[in-house]
Amino acid sequence: MGRFQNKLEQLKFAQYCFKKGSDSRFIKSVKQMADQNNLVFVESYGDKENTDVIYFIDMEESRSGFFADHNRLLAMLYFADKYSMKPVVRFHPNYCYAEKHPVNGTENPFEYYFEQPAGISLDEILSYRQVFRSKKENSYEVNGLCENPNGYTRSEIYLNEMAKVTAKYIHRNAIVKEKMDKDIQNLIGNKRMLGVHVRGTDFKQNFNGHPVNVNMNEYLESAAGVFQEESYDGIFLATDDEDAIEKFRQHFKDKVCFYQDVIRSKGDDTVMHSTVNRENHHYLLGYEVLRDMYTLAACDGLVAGLSQVSYAARIQKKSTGKEYRNLVILNKGINYHKKKNCL
């Protein structure tokens, strides 16, 4: 019923605009409104008066990867912070990493992994009389921090600002933090590690607007060069690609480590679409890539391509007030073409 009502309202608005088609001032105003990134929905959910200015980040359904959505969330949190609003986050029930049942005591996929950024619960805001609800355009506010607003070409200014946002608002919940910190300690401990992120699988298809694929030999050559020049104890390999595991083990032998309990893929199909008969499979896919990111951020050096994960690791590292001793980002440019992908 709600979807039908929305369509009906859209038709009514279109009809109204059609009648105003000869009014140049009206047309100009509508166009200007469409270009505004700082507009929000003002909604009322209950009768309770709220003293805080609440910004309800109600993430829309997407088919993006974990860190594409996460980095979009950081942009929303940047928007909230810029306008001095208290953010409350809900991820869509059809989020790629959502389950059909509660996980870690919650039905909100965001809270599977994180605490609410301002300490305000969803139940609390749903009783308020006035709430500002997010629009996807709010995330475009961060584009002013980059000369090129493409999601894979981010500036140092952007990274520094997102690091501030992360330090202030992104906190793993107690369950995830305890398990993840133990996993990281058990794998790399206090060793001086070179982190390597190999983004394989579907990236090999060179999707339009995505980075030009970095092949395995290029990753290996760069990692070997840094590893030989610096006194690292070992290499932590984060990857969605089973082939990368095999090639790095052949080259670095026992100097390379990686998580053994991760679902990876061969070929050029994304792990996100995998179907495995294990409890909480979708949640665990999110946990695994989040753990990879935090482990990369715990390393002393990083070799990676342009990816949402490598950006997130650099942001996380900066959020702790630290920088990588060695940072090598393999950048072959962005695919710009009219086809869905080019091989």
C-alpha atoms as a PDB file:
ATOM      1  CA  MET A   1       0.000   0.000   0.000  1.00  0.00           C
ATOM      2  CA  GLY A   2       2.837   2.363   0.883  1.00  0.00           C
ATOM      3  CA  ARG A   3       4.610   1.833  -2.443  1.00  0.00           C
ATOM      4  CA  PHE A   4       1.363   2.382  -4.364  1.00  0.00           C
ATOM      5  CA  GLN A   5       0.731   5.589  -2.401  1.00  0.00           C
ATOM      6  CA  ASN A   6       4.237   6.851  -3.239  1.00  0.00           C
ATOM      7  CA  LYS A   7       3.669   6.200  -6.948  1.00  0.00           C
ATOM      8  CA  LEU A   8       0.333   8.012  -6.785  1.00  0.00           C
ATOM      9  CA  GLU A   9       1.970  11.049  -5.163  1.00  0.00           C
ATOM     10  CA  GLN A  10       4.703  11.025  -7.826  1.00  0.00           C
ATOM     11  CA  LEU A  11       2.082  11.017 -10.586  1.00  0.00           C
ATOM     12  CA  LYS A  12       0.213  13.888  -8.945  1.00  0.00           C
ATOM     13  CA  PHE A  13       3.439  15.888  -8.665  1.00  0.00           C
ATOM     14  CA  ALA A  14       4.349  15.153 -12.308  1.00  0.00           C
ATOM     15  CA  GLN A  15       0.911  16.345 -13.387  1.00  0.00           C
ATOM     16  CA  TYR A  16       1.331  19.512 -11.318  1.00  0.00           C
ATOM     17  CA  CYS A  17       4.751  20.181 -12.867  1.00  0.00           C
ATOM     18  CA  PHE A  18       3.370  19.616 -16.358  1.00  0.00           C
ATOM     19  CA  LYS A  19       0.837  22.395 -15.780  1.00  0.00           C
ATOM     20  CA  LYS A  20       3.689  24.661 -14.627  1.00  0.00           C
ATOM     21  CA  GLY A  21       5.814  23.895 -17.683  1.00  0.00           C
ATOM     22  CA  SER A  22       5.609  27.441 -19.029  1.00  0.00           C
ATOM     23  CA  ASP A  23       6.539  29.062 -15.695  1.00  0.00           C
ATOM     24  CA  SER A  24      10.283  29.729 -15.972  1.00  0.00           C
ATOM     25  CA  ARG A  25      10.634  30.722 -12.305  1.00  0.00           C
ATOM     26  CA  PHE A  26       8.984  27.491 -11.155  1.00  0.00           C
ATOM     27  CA  ILE A  27      11.244  25.393 -13.414  1.00  0.00           C
ATOM     28  CA  LYS A  28      14.350  27.192 -12.162  1.00  0.00           C
ATOM     29  CA  SER A  29      13.337  26.660  -8.534  1.00  0.00           C
ATOM     30  CA  VAL A  30      12.717  22.925  -9.040  1.00  0.00           C
ATOM     31  CA  LYS A  31      16.084  22.506 -10.766  1.00  0.00           C
ATOM     32  CA  GLN A  32      17.873  24.345  -7.970  1.00  0.00           C
ATOM     33  CA  MET A  33      16.137  22.180  -5.392  1.00  0.00           C
ATOM     34  CA  ALA A  34      17.244  19.020  -7.213  1.00  0.00           C
ATOM     35  CA  ASP A  35      20.860  20.193  -6.994  1.00  0.00           C
ATOM     36  CA  GLN A  36      20.766  20.745  -3.234  1.00  0.00           C
ATOM     37  CA  ASN A  37      22.569  18.057  -1.240  1.00  0.00           C
ATOM     38  CA  ASN A  38      21.575  19.418   2.167  1.00  0.00           C
ATOM     39  CA  LEU A  39      17.829  18.803   1.962  1.00  0.00           C
ATOM     40  CA  VAL A  40      16.327  16.230   4.322  1.00  0.00           C
ATOM     41  CA  PHE A  41      12.931  14.737   5.006  1.00  0.00           C
ATOM     42  CA  VAL A  42      11.206  16.093   8.119  1.00  0.00           C
ATOM     43  CA  GLU A  43       9.107  13.375   9.702  1.00  0.00           C
ATOM     44  CA  SER A  44       7.076  12.762  12.838  1.00  0.00           C
ATOM     45  CA  TYR A  45       6.962   9.322  14.439  1.00  0.00           C
ATOM     46  CA  GLY A  46       5.322   9.995  17.793  1.00  0.00           C
ATOM     47  CA  ASP A  47       4.269  12.630  20.318  1.00  0.00           C
ATOM     48  CA  LYS A  48       7.470  12.896  22.342  1.00  0.00           C
ATOM     49  CA  GLU A  49       9.330  16.226  22.163  1.00  0.00           C
ATOM     50  CA  ASN A  50      13.044  15.811  21.492  1.00  0.00           C
ATOM     51  CA  THR A  51      15.656  18.345  22.585  1.00  0.00           C
ATOM     52  CA  ASP A  52      18.378  16.944  20.294  1.00  0.00           C
ATOM     53  CA  VAL A  53      18.352  17.501  16.534  1.00  0.00           C
ATOM     54  CA  ILE A  54      18.072  13.928  15.304  1.00  0.00           C
ATOM     55  CA  TYR A  55      19.370  12.832  11.903  1.00  0.00           C
ATOM     56  CA  PHE A  56      17.968   9.423  11.009  1.00  0.00           C
ATOM     57  CA  ILE A  57      20.368   7.762   8.556  1.00  0.00           C
ATOM     58  CA  ASP A  58      17.989   5.282   6.993  1.00  0.00           C
ATOM     59  CA  MET A  59      20.266   3.596   4.464  1.00  0.00           C
ATOM     60  CA  GLU A  60      18.502   2.698   1.250  1.00  0.00           C
ATOM     61  CA  GLU A  61      18.592  -0.791  -0.204  1.00  0.00           C
ATOM     62  CA  SER A  62      21.708  -1.401  -2.275  1.00  0.00           C
ATOM     63  CA  ARG A  63      23.520  -4.308  -3.845  1.00  0.00           C
ATOM     64  CA  SER A  64      26.932  -2.846  -3.045  1.00  0.00           C
ATOM     65  CA  GLY A  65      29.754  -4.444  -1.122  1.00  0.00           C
ATOM     66  CA  PHE A  66      30.285  -3.992   2.610  1.00  0.00           C
ATOM     67  CA  PHE A  67      32.707  -1.084   2.379  1.00  0.00           C
ATOM     68  CA  ALA A  68      30.950   0.678  -0.468  1.00  0.00           C
ATOM     69  CA  ASP A  69      28.016   1.012   1.919  1.00  0.00           C
ATOM     70  CA  HIS A  70      30.286   1.716   4.881  1.00  0.00           C
ATOM     71  CA  ASN A  71      32.102   4.547   3.123  1.00  0.00           C
ATOM     72  CA  ARG A  72      28.732   5.943   2.026  1.00  0.00           C
ATOM     73  CA  LEU A  73      27.704   5.849   5.694  1.00  0.00           C
ATOM     74  CA  LEU A  74      30.819   7.832   6.631  1.00  0.00           C
ATOM     75  CA  ALA A  75      29.679  10.493   4.160  1.00  0.00           C
ATOM     76  CA  MET A  76      26.276  10.604   5.873  1.00  0.00           C
ATOM     77  CA  LEU A  77      27.938  10.898   9.275  1.00  0.00           C
ATOM     78  CA  TYR A  78      30.113  13.715   7.927  1.00  0.00           C
ATOM     79  CA  PHE A  79      26.899  15.473   6.863  1.00  0.00           C
ATOM     80  CA  ALA A  80      25.369  14.974  10.331  1.00  0.00           C
ATOM     81  CA  ASP A  81      28.480  16.298  12.044  1.00  0.00           C
ATOM     82  CA  LYS A  82      28.716  19.317   9.747  1.00  0.00           C
ATOM     83  CA  TYR A  83      25.168  20.374  10.653  1.00  0.00           C
ATOM     84  CA  SER A  84      25.481  19.470  14.370  1.00  0.00           C
ATOM     85  CA  MET A  85      22.881  16.694  14.275  1.00  0.00           C
ATOM     86  CA  LYS A  86      22.799  13.490  16.339  1.00  0.00           C
ATOM     87  CA  PRO A  87      22.950  10.505  13.945  1.00  0.00           C
ATOM     88  CA  VAL A  88      20.997   7.293  14.351  1.00  0.00           C
ATOM     89  CA  VAL A  89      21.627   4.537  11.786  1.00  0.00           C
ATOM     90  CA  ARG A  90      19.458   1.801  10.329  1.00  0.00           C
ATOM     91  CA  PHE A  91      20.504  -0.485   7.484  1.00  0.00           C
ATOM     92  CA  HIS A  92      17.861  -1.818   5.114  1.00  0.00           C
ATOM     93  CA  PRO A  93      16.501  -5.323   5.875  1.00  0.00           C
ATOM     94  CA  ASN A  94      17.552  -6.321   2.337  1.00  0.00           C
ATOM     95  CA  TYR A  95      21.137  -5.234   3.016  1.00  0.00           C
ATOM     96  CA  CYS A  96      23.464  -7.794   1.418  1.00  0.00           C
ATOM     97  CA  TYR A  97      24.840  -8.836   4.805  1.00  0.00           C
ATOM     98  CA  ALA A  98      21.499  -9.059   6.608  1.00  0.00           C
ATOM     99  CA  GLU A  99      19.962 -12.226   7.989  1.00  0.00           C
ATOM    100  CA  LYS A 100      16.284 -13.092   8.314  1.00  0.00           C
ATOM    101  CA  HIS A 101      16.639 -13.281  12.098  1.00  0.00           C
ATOM    102  CA  PRO A 102      18.312 -11.199  14.829  1.00  0.00           C
ATOM    103  CA  VAL A 103      22.109 -11.297  15.077  1.00  0.00           C
ATOM    104  CA  ASN A 104      23.988 -10.207  18.189  1.00  0.00           C
ATOM    105  CA  GLY A 105      20.625  -9.328  19.741  1.00  0.00           C
ATOM    106  CA  THR A 106      19.376  -6.962  17.019  1.00  0.00           C
ATOM    107  CA  GLU A 107      17.392  -6.927  13.783  1.00  0.00           C
ATOM    108  CA  ASN A 108      19.202  -3.793  12.555  1.00  0.00           C
ATOM    109  CA  PRO A 109      22.097  -4.974  10.310  1.00  0.00           C
ATOM    110  CA  PHE A 110      24.158  -1.907  11.230  1.00  0.00           C
ATOM    111  CA  GLU A 111      24.024  -2.931  14.875  1.00  0.00           C
ATOM    112  CA  TYR A 112      25.217  -6.464  14.054  1.00  0.00           C
ATOM    113  CA  TYR A 113      28.675  -4.876  14.011  1.00  0.00           C
ATOM    114  CA  PHE A 114      28.537  -1.372  15.490  1.00  0.00           C
ATOM    115  CA  GLU A 115      27.166   0.689  18.353  1.00  0.00           C
ATOM    116  CA  GLN A 116      24.765   3.511  17.552  1.00  0.00           C
ATOM    117  CA  PRO A 117      27.061   6.507  16.878  1.00  0.00           C
ATOM    118  CA  ALA A 118      25.334   8.964  19.232  1.00  0.00           C
ATOM    119  CA  GLY A 119      24.095   6.450  21.800  1.00  0.00           C
ATOM    120  CA  ILE A 120      20.472   6.995  20.730  1.00  0.00           C
ATOM    121  CA  SER A 121      18.415   3.909  19.922  1.00  0.00           C
ATOM    122  CA  LEU A 122      16.033   3.348  17.036  1.00  0.00           C
ATOM    123  CA  ASP A 123      13.183   2.734  19.479  1.00  0.00           C
ATOM    124  CA  GLU A 124      13.835   6.117  21.050  1.00  0.00           C
ATOM    125  CA  ILE A 125      13.640   8.163  17.842  1.00  0.00           C
ATOM    126  CA  LEU A 126      10.526   6.338  16.668  1.00  0.00           C
ATOM    127  CA  SER A 127       8.685   8.042  19.517  1.00  0.00           C
ATOM    128  CA  TYR A 128       9.822  11.565  18.590  1.00  0.00           C
ATOM    129  CA  ARG A 129       7.633  14.260  17.082  1.00  0.00           C
ATOM    130  CA  GLN A 130      10.334  15.681  14.800  1.00  0.00           C
ATOM    131  CA  VAL A 131      13.123  13.754  13.107  1.00  0.00           C
ATOM    132  CA  PHE A 132      15.261  14.653  10.083  1.00  0.00           C
ATOM    133  CA  ARG A 133      15.557  11.608   7.845  1.00  0.00           C
ATOM    134  CA  SER A 134      18.428  11.268   5.412  1.00  0.00           C
ATOM    135  CA  LYS A 135      18.332  11.465   1.635  1.00  0.00           C
ATOM    136  CA  LYS A 136      20.948   9.697  -0.461  1.00  0.00           C
ATOM    137  CA  GLU A 137      21.994  13.084  -1.872  1.00  0.00           C
ATOM    138  CA  ASN A 138      23.291  14.065   1.587  1.00  0.00           C
ATOM    139  CA  SER A 139      26.270  11.795   0.987  1.00  0.00           C
ATOM    140  CA  TYR A 140      27.333  14.002  -1.941  1.00  0.00           C
ATOM    141  CA  GLU A 141      28.407  16.699   0.538  1.00  0.00           C
ATOM    142  CA  VAL A 142      31.812  14.999   0.838  1.00  0.00           C
ATOM    143  CA  ASN A 143      32.436  15.424  -2.887  1.00  0.00           C
ATOM    144  CA  GLY A 144      33.624  18.936  -2.159  1.00  0.00           C
ATOM    145  CA  LEU A 145      36.633  17.379  -0.408  1.00  0.00           C
ATOM    146  CA  CYS A 146      37.886  15.837  -3.656  1.00  0.00           C
ATOM    147  CA  GLU A 147      38.812  17.318  -7.005  1.00  0.00           C
ATOM    148  CA  ASN A 148      37.351  14.245  -8.705  1.00  0.00           C
ATOM    149  CA  PRO A 149      34.264  12.960  -6.865  1.00  0.00           C
ATOM    150  CA  ASN A 150      34.583   9.393  -8.238  1.00  0.00           C
ATOM    151  CA  GLY A 151      34.256   6.945  -5.332  1.00  0.00           C
ATOM    152  CA  TYR A 152      37.634   5.410  -6.158  1.00  0.00           C
ATOM    153  CA  THR A 153      39.667   8.620  -6.421  1.00  0.00           C
ATOM    154  CA  ARG A 154      39.659  10.170  -2.971  1.00  0.00           C
ATOM    155  CA  SER A 155      41.943  12.955  -1.770  1.00  0.00           C
ATOM    156  CA  GLU A 156      44.116  13.096   1.327  1.00  0.00           C
ATOM    157  CA  ILE A 157      41.781  15.807   2.652  1.00  0.00           C
ATOM    158  CA  TYR A 158      38.859  13.393   2.286  1.00  0.00           C
ATOM    159  CA  LEU A 159      40.756  10.623   4.093  1.00  0.00           C
ATOM    160  CA  ASN A 160      41.641  12.949   6.978  1.00  0.00           C
ATOM    161  CA  GLU A 161      38.053  14.142   7.366  1.00  0.00           C
ATOM    162  CA  MET A 162      36.656  10.597   7.245  1.00  0.00           C
ATOM    163  CA  ALA A 163      39.245   9.606   9.861  1.00  0.00           C
ATOM    164  CA  LYS A 164      37.820  12.265  12.195  1.00  0.00           C
ATOM    165  CA  VAL A 165      34.303  10.985  11.510  1.00  0.00           C
ATOM    166  CA  THR A 166      35.426   7.399  12.168  1.00  0.00           C
ATOM    167  CA  ALA A 167      37.120   8.267  15.451  1.00  0.00           C
ATOM    168  CA  LYS A 168      34.006  10.090  16.645  1.00  0.00           C
ATOM    169  CA  TYR A 169      31.188   7.858  15.420  1.00  0.00           C
ATOM    170  CA  ILE A 170      32.334   4.367  14.377  1.00  0.00           C
ATOM    171  CA  HIS A 171      32.663   1.959  17.290  1.00  0.00           C
ATOM    172  CA  ARG A 172      32.367  -1.815  17.074  1.00  0.00           C
ATOM    173  CA  ASN A 173      29.877  -3.333  19.474  1.00  0.00           C
ATOM    174  CA  ALA A 174      31.224  -5.275  22.440  1.00  0.00           C
ATOM    175  CA  ILE A 175      30.610  -8.725  20.920  1.00  0.00           C
ATOM    176  CA  VAL A 176      32.360  -7.957  17.629  1.00  0.00           C
ATOM    177  CA  LYS A 177      35.210  -5.989  19.218  1.00  0.00           C
ATOM    178  CA  GLU A 178      36.115  -8.738  21.688  1.00  0.00           C
ATOM    179  CA  LYS A 179      36.115 -11.507  19.087  1.00  0.00           C
ATOM    180  CA  MET A 180      37.823  -9.448  16.383  1.00  0.00           C
ATOM    181  CA  ASP A 181      40.599  -8.118  18.619  1.00  0.00           C
ATOM    182  CA  LYS A 182      41.298 -11.693  19.730  1.00  0.00           C
ATOM    183  CA  ASP A 183      41.382 -12.897  16.111  1.00  0.00           C
ATOM    184  CA  ILE A 184      43.845 -10.146  15.141  1.00  0.00           C
ATOM    185  CA  GLN A 185      46.080 -10.813  18.137  1.00  0.00           C
ATOM    186  CA  ASN A 186      46.143 -14.557  17.429  1.00  0.00           C
ATOM    187  CA  LEU A 187      47.070 -14.008  13.775  1.00  0.00           C
ATOM    188  CA  ILE A 188      49.649 -11.209  13.770  1.00  0.00           C
ATOM    189  CA  GLY A 189      50.242 -10.403  17.446  1.00  0.00           C
ATOM    190  CA  ASN A 190      52.735  -7.590  17.850  1.00  0.00           C
ATOM    191  CA  LYS A 191      54.795  -8.471  14.771  1.00  0.00           C
ATOM    192  CA  ARG A 192      55.810  -5.848  12.226  1.00  0.00           C
ATOM    193  CA  MET A 193      53.586  -6.809   9.335  1.00  0.00           C
ATOM    194  CA  LEU A 194      53.164  -5.668   5.766  1.00  0.00           C
ATOM    195  CA  GLY A 195      49.479  -5.691   4.912  1.00  0.00           C
ATOM    196  CA  VAL A 196      48.539  -6.591   1.341  1.00  0.00           C
ATOM    197  CA  HIS A 197      45.029  -6.268  -0.019  1.00  0.00           C
ATOM    198  CA  VAL A 198      44.351  -8.081  -3.286  1.00  0.00           C
ATOM    199  CA  ARG A 199      40.970  -7.226  -4.762  1.00  0.00           C
ATOM    200  CA  GLY A 200      40.196  -9.952  -7.246  1.00  0.00           C
ATOM    201  CA  THR A 201      37.056 -11.848  -8.332  1.00  0.00           C
ATOM    202  CA  ASP A 202      34.574  -9.461 -10.026  1.00  0.00           C
ATOM    203  CA  PHE A 203      37.141  -6.600 -10.240  1.00  0.00           C
ATOM    204  CA  LYS A 204      38.726  -8.589 -13.070  1.00  0.00           C
ATOM    205  CA  GLN A 205      35.713  -7.640 -15.199  1.00  0.00           C
ATOM    206  CA  ASN A 206      36.787  -3.969 -15.231  1.00  0.00           C
ATOM    207  CA  PHE A 207      33.366  -2.509 -14.488  1.00  0.00           C
ATOM    208  CA  ASN A 208      32.636   0.977 -15.744  1.00  0.00           C
ATOM    209  CA  GLY A 209      33.564   3.577 -13.139  1.00  0.00           C
ATOM    210  CA  HIS A 210      35.709   1.056 -11.225  1.00  0.00           C
ATOM    211  CA  PRO A 211      39.521   0.897 -11.105  1.00  0.00           C
ATOM    212  CA  VAL A 212      41.403  -0.766 -13.939  1.00  0.00           C
ATOM    213  CA  ASN A 213      42.204  -4.249 -12.669  1.00  0.00           C
ATOM    214  CA  VAL A 214      45.625  -4.826 -11.077  1.00  0.00           C
ATOM    215  CA  ASN A 215      46.847  -8.299 -11.995  1.00  0.00           C
ATOM    216  CA  MET A 216      48.350 -10.778  -9.559  1.00  0.00           C
ATOM    217  CA  ASN A 217      51.940 -10.350 -10.757  1.00  0.00           C
ATOM    218  CA  GLU A 218      51.723  -6.609 -10.121  1.00  0.00           C
ATOM    219  CA  TYR A 219      50.544  -7.215  -6.549  1.00  0.00           C
ATOM    220  CA  LEU A 220      53.289  -9.792  -5.991  1.00  0.00           C
ATOM    221  CA  GLU A 221      56.057  -7.627  -7.431  1.00  0.00           C
ATOM    222  CA  SER A 222      55.085  -4.589  -5.337  1.00  0.00           C
ATOM    223  CA  ALA A 223      54.697  -6.600  -2.125  1.00  0.00           C
ATOM    224  CA  ALA A 224      58.029  -8.383  -2.681  1.00  0.00           C
ATOM    225  CA  GLY A 225      59.820  -5.094  -3.302  1.00  0.00           C
ATOM    226  CA  VAL A 226      58.604  -3.486  -0.065  1.00  0.00           C
ATOM    227  CA  PHE A 227      59.085  -6.672   1.946  1.00  0.00           C
ATOM    228  CA  GLN A 228      62.707  -7.062   0.838  1.00  0.00           C
ATOM    229  CA  GLU A 229      63.652  -3.426   1.400  1.00  0.00           C
ATOM    230  CA  GLU A 230      62.117  -3.187   4.888  1.00  0.00           C
ATOM    231  CA  SER A 231      62.541  -5.387   7.943  1.00  0.00           C
ATOM    232  CA  TYR A 232      59.024  -6.799   8.168  1.00  0.00           C
ATOM    233  CA  ASP A 233      58.359  -9.979  10.124  1.00  0.00           C
ATOM    234  CA  GLY A 234      55.687 -11.178   7.736  1.00  0.00           C
ATOM    235  CA  ILE A 235      52.877 -10.392   5.321  1.00  0.00           C
ATOM    236  CA  PHE A 236      49.194 -10.329   6.143  1.00  0.00           C
ATOM    237  CA  LEU A 237      47.178 -11.065   3.016  1.00  0.00           C
ATOM    238  CA  ALA A 238      43.564  -9.870   2.829  1.00  0.00           C
ATOM    239  CA  THR A 239      41.777 -11.038  -0.293  1.00  0.00           C
ATOM    240  CA  ASP A 240      38.490 -12.289  -1.685  1.00  0.00           C
ATOM    241  CA  ASP A 241      40.358 -14.339  -4.290  1.00  0.00           C
ATOM    242  CA  GLU A 242      41.425 -17.968  -3.723  1.00  0.00           C
ATOM    243  CA  ASP A 243      44.033 -17.701  -6.480  1.00  0.00           C
ATOM    244  CA  ALA A 244      45.809 -14.928  -4.557  1.00  0.00           C
ATOM    245  CA  ILE A 245      46.243 -17.228  -1.558  1.00  0.00           C
ATOM    246  CA  GLU A 246      47.894 -19.892  -3.702  1.00  0.00           C
ATOM    247  CA  LYS A 247      50.257 -17.473  -5.497  1.00  0.00           C
ATOM    248  CA  PHE A 248      51.341 -15.611  -2.355  1.00  0.00           C
ATOM    249  CA  ARG A 249      52.003 -18.884  -0.521  1.00  0.00           C
ATOM    250  CA  GLN A 250      54.125 -20.106  -3.406  1.00  0.00           C
ATOM    251  CA  HIS A 251      56.165 -16.896  -3.373  1.00  0.00           C
ATOM    252  CA  PHE A 252      56.434 -15.992   0.331  1.00  0.00           C
ATOM    253  CA  LYS A 253      56.120 -19.483   1.875  1.00  0.00           C
ATOM    254  CA  ASP A 254      55.573 -19.295   5.653  1.00  0.00           C
ATOM    255  CA  LYS A 255      56.107 -15.522   5.735  1.00  0.00           C
ATOM    256  CA  VAL A 256      52.538 -14.920   4.573  1.00  0.00           C
ATOM    257  CA  CYS A 257      49.512 -15.340   6.843  1.00  0.00           C
ATOM    258  CA  PHE A 258      45.782 -14.964   6.288  1.00  0.00           C
ATOM    259  CA  TYR A 259      42.540 -15.912   7.998  1.00  0.00           C
ATOM    260  CA  GLN A 260      41.656 -19.557   7.404  1.00  0.00           C
ATOM    261  CA  ASP A 261      37.910 -19.236   8.092  1.00  0.00           C
ATOM    262  CA  VAL A 262      37.115 -16.851   5.213  1.00  0.00           C
ATOM    263  CA  ILE A 263      34.876 -17.602   2.239  1.00  0.00           C
ATOM    264  CA  ARG A 264      36.754 -16.783  -0.954  1.00  0.00           C
ATOM    265  CA  SER A 265      36.012 -17.237  -4.620  1.00  0.00           C
ATOM    266  CA  LYS A 266      37.788 -18.381  -7.766  1.00  0.00           C
ATOM    267  CA  GLY A 267      37.267 -16.753 -11.125  1.00  0.00           C
ATOM    268  CA  ASP A 268      35.465 -13.435 -11.520  1.00  0.00           C
ATOM    269  CA  ASP A 269      32.306 -13.773  -9.418  1.00  0.00           C
ATOM    270  CA  THR A 270      31.975 -11.778  -6.210  1.00  0.00           C
ATOM    271  CA  VAL A 271      32.022 -13.497  -2.821  1.00  0.00           C
ATOM    272  CA  MET A 272      28.994 -11.397  -1.878  1.00  0.00           C
ATOM    273  CA  HIS A 273      26.838 -13.642  -4.106  1.00  0.00           C
ATOM    274  CA  SER A 274      28.139 -16.869  -2.586  1.00  0.00           C
ATOM    275  CA  THR A 275      25.751 -19.397  -1.101  1.00  0.00           C
ATOM    276  CA  VAL A 276      27.286 -21.514   1.637  1.00  0.00           C
ATOM    277  CA  ASN A 277      25.469 -23.728   4.088  1.00  0.00           C
ATOM    278  CA  ARG A 278      26.685 -22.159   7.320  1.00  0.00           C
ATOM    279  CA  GLU A 279      24.839 -20.389  10.089  1.00  0.00           C
ATOM    280  CA  ASN A 280      24.685 -16.601   9.690  1.00  0.00           C
ATOM    281  CA  HIS A 281      26.513 -16.774   6.359  1.00  0.00           C
ATOM    282  CA  HIS A 282      25.675 -13.211   5.283  1.00  0.00           C
ATOM    283  CA  TYR A 283      26.593 -11.729   8.657  1.00  0.00           C
ATOM    284  CA  LEU A 284      29.868 -13.644   8.622  1.00  0.00           C
ATOM    285  CA  LEU A 285      30.725 -12.341   5.150  1.00  0.00           C
ATOM    286  CA  GLY A 286      30.467  -8.848   6.631  1.00  0.00           C
ATOM    287  CA  TYR A 287      32.443  -9.815   9.725  1.00  0.00           C
ATOM    288  CA  GLU A 288      35.224 -11.331   7.632  1.00  0.00           C
ATOM    289  CA  VAL A 289      35.796  -8.294   5.421  1.00  0.00           C
ATOM    290  CA  LEU A 290      35.490  -5.947   8.418  1.00  0.00           C
ATOM    291  CA  ARG A 291      38.111  -8.016  10.265  1.00  0.00           C
ATOM    292  CA  ASP A 292      40.372  -7.926   7.199  1.00  0.00           C
ATOM    293  CA  MET A 293      40.120  -4.141   7.176  1.00  0.00           C
ATOM    294  CA  TYR A 294      40.925  -3.771  10.884  1.00  0.00           C
ATOM    295  CA  THR A 295      43.854  -6.173  10.494  1.00  0.00           C
ATOM    296  CA  LEU A 296      45.210  -4.203   7.525  1.00  0.00           C
ATOM    297  CA  ALA A 297      44.927  -1.068   9.655  1.00  0.00           C
ATOM    298  CA  ALA A 298      46.934  -2.804  12.399  1.00  0.00           C
ATOM    299  CA  CYS A 299      49.816  -3.490   9.993  1.00  0.00           C
ATOM    300  CA  ASP A 300      52.848  -1.198   9.656  1.00  0.00           C
ATOM    301  CA  GLY A 301      52.768  -1.040   5.864  1.00  0.00           C
ATOM    302  CA  LEU A 302      50.179  -1.433   3.129  1.00  0.00           C
ATOM    303  CA  VAL A 303      50.294  -2.539  -0.498  1.00  0.00           C
ATOM    304  CA  ALA A 304      46.911  -2.356  -2.216  1.00  0.00           C
ATOM    305  CA  GLY A 305      45.001  -1.220  -5.256  1.00  0.00           C
ATOM    306  CA  LEU A 306      42.228   1.337  -5.367  1.00  0.00           C
ATOM    307  CA  SER A 307      39.359  -0.288  -3.512  1.00  0.00           C
ATOM    308  CA  GLN A 308      36.759   0.517  -0.894  1.00  0.00           C
ATOM    309  CA  VAL A 309      38.551  -1.814   1.546  1.00  0.00           C
ATOM    310  CA  SER A 310      41.957  -0.165   1.120  1.00  0.00           C
ATOM    311  CA  TYR A 311      40.409   3.283   1.555  1.00  0.00           C
ATOM    312  CA  ALA A 312      38.643   2.084   4.711  1.00  0.00           C
ATOM    313  CA  ALA A 313      41.914   0.658   6.102  1.00  0.00           C
ATOM    314  CA  ARG A 314      43.734   3.950   5.465  1.00  0.00           C
ATOM    315  CA  ILE A 315      40.892   5.866   7.137  1.00  0.00           C
ATOM    316  CA  GLN A 316      40.871   3.510  10.118  1.00  0.00           C
ATOM    317  CA  LYS A 317      44.655   3.827  10.501  1.00  0.00           C
ATOM    318  CA  LYS A 318      44.432   7.616  10.456  1.00  0.00           C
ATOM    319  CA  SER A 319      41.532   7.550  12.945  1.00  0.00           C
ATOM    320  CA  THR A 320      43.942   6.150  15.556  1.00  0.00           C
ATOM    321  CA  GLY A 321      46.429   8.959  14.922  1.00  0.00           C
ATOM    322  CA  LYS A 322      48.861   6.699  13.028  1.00  0.00           C
ATOM    323  CA  GLU A 323      50.202   6.470   9.470  1.00  0.00           C
ATOM    324  CA  TYR A 324      51.633   3.582   7.461  1.00  0.00           C
ATOM    325  CA  ARG A 325      55.417   3.379   7.404  1.00  0.00           C
ATOM    326  CA  ASN A 326      55.187   2.200   3.797  1.00  0.00           C
ATOM    327  CA  LEU A 327      52.170   2.881   1.606  1.00  0.00           C
ATOM    328  CA  VAL A 328      51.994   1.643  -1.983  1.00  0.00           C
ATOM    329  CA  ILE A 329      48.706   2.154  -3.825  1.00  0.00           C
ATOM    330  CA  LEU A 330      48.635   0.541  -7.260  1.00  0.00           C
ATOM    331  CA  ASN A 331      46.635   2.946  -9.379  1.00  0.00           C
ATOM    332  CA  LYS A 332      46.144   2.152 -13.079  1.00  0.00           C
ATOM    333  CA  GLY A 333      43.280   4.603 -13.475  1.00  0.00           C
ATOM    334  CA  ILE A 334      39.512   4.241 -13.746  1.00  0.00           C
ATOM    335  CA  ASN A 335      37.490   2.458 -16.419  1.00  0.00           C
ATOM    336  CA  TYR A 336      35.419   4.973 -18.351  1.00  0.00           C
ATOM    337  CA  HIS A 337      33.342   3.405 -21.104  1.00  0.00           C
ATOM    338  CA  LYS A 338      29.723   2.923 -22.064  1.00  0.00           C
ATOM    339  CA  LYS A 339      29.566  -0.835 -21.639  1.00  0.00           C
ATOM    340  CA  LYS A 340      28.773  -2.558 -18.348  1.00  0.00           C
ATOM    341  CA  ASN A 341      32.277  -3.984 -18.331  1.00  0.00           C
ATOM    342  CA  CYS A 342      35.228  -4.515 -20.613  1.00  0.00           C
ATOM    343  CA  LEU A 343      37.517  -7.513 -20.581  1.00  0.00           C
END
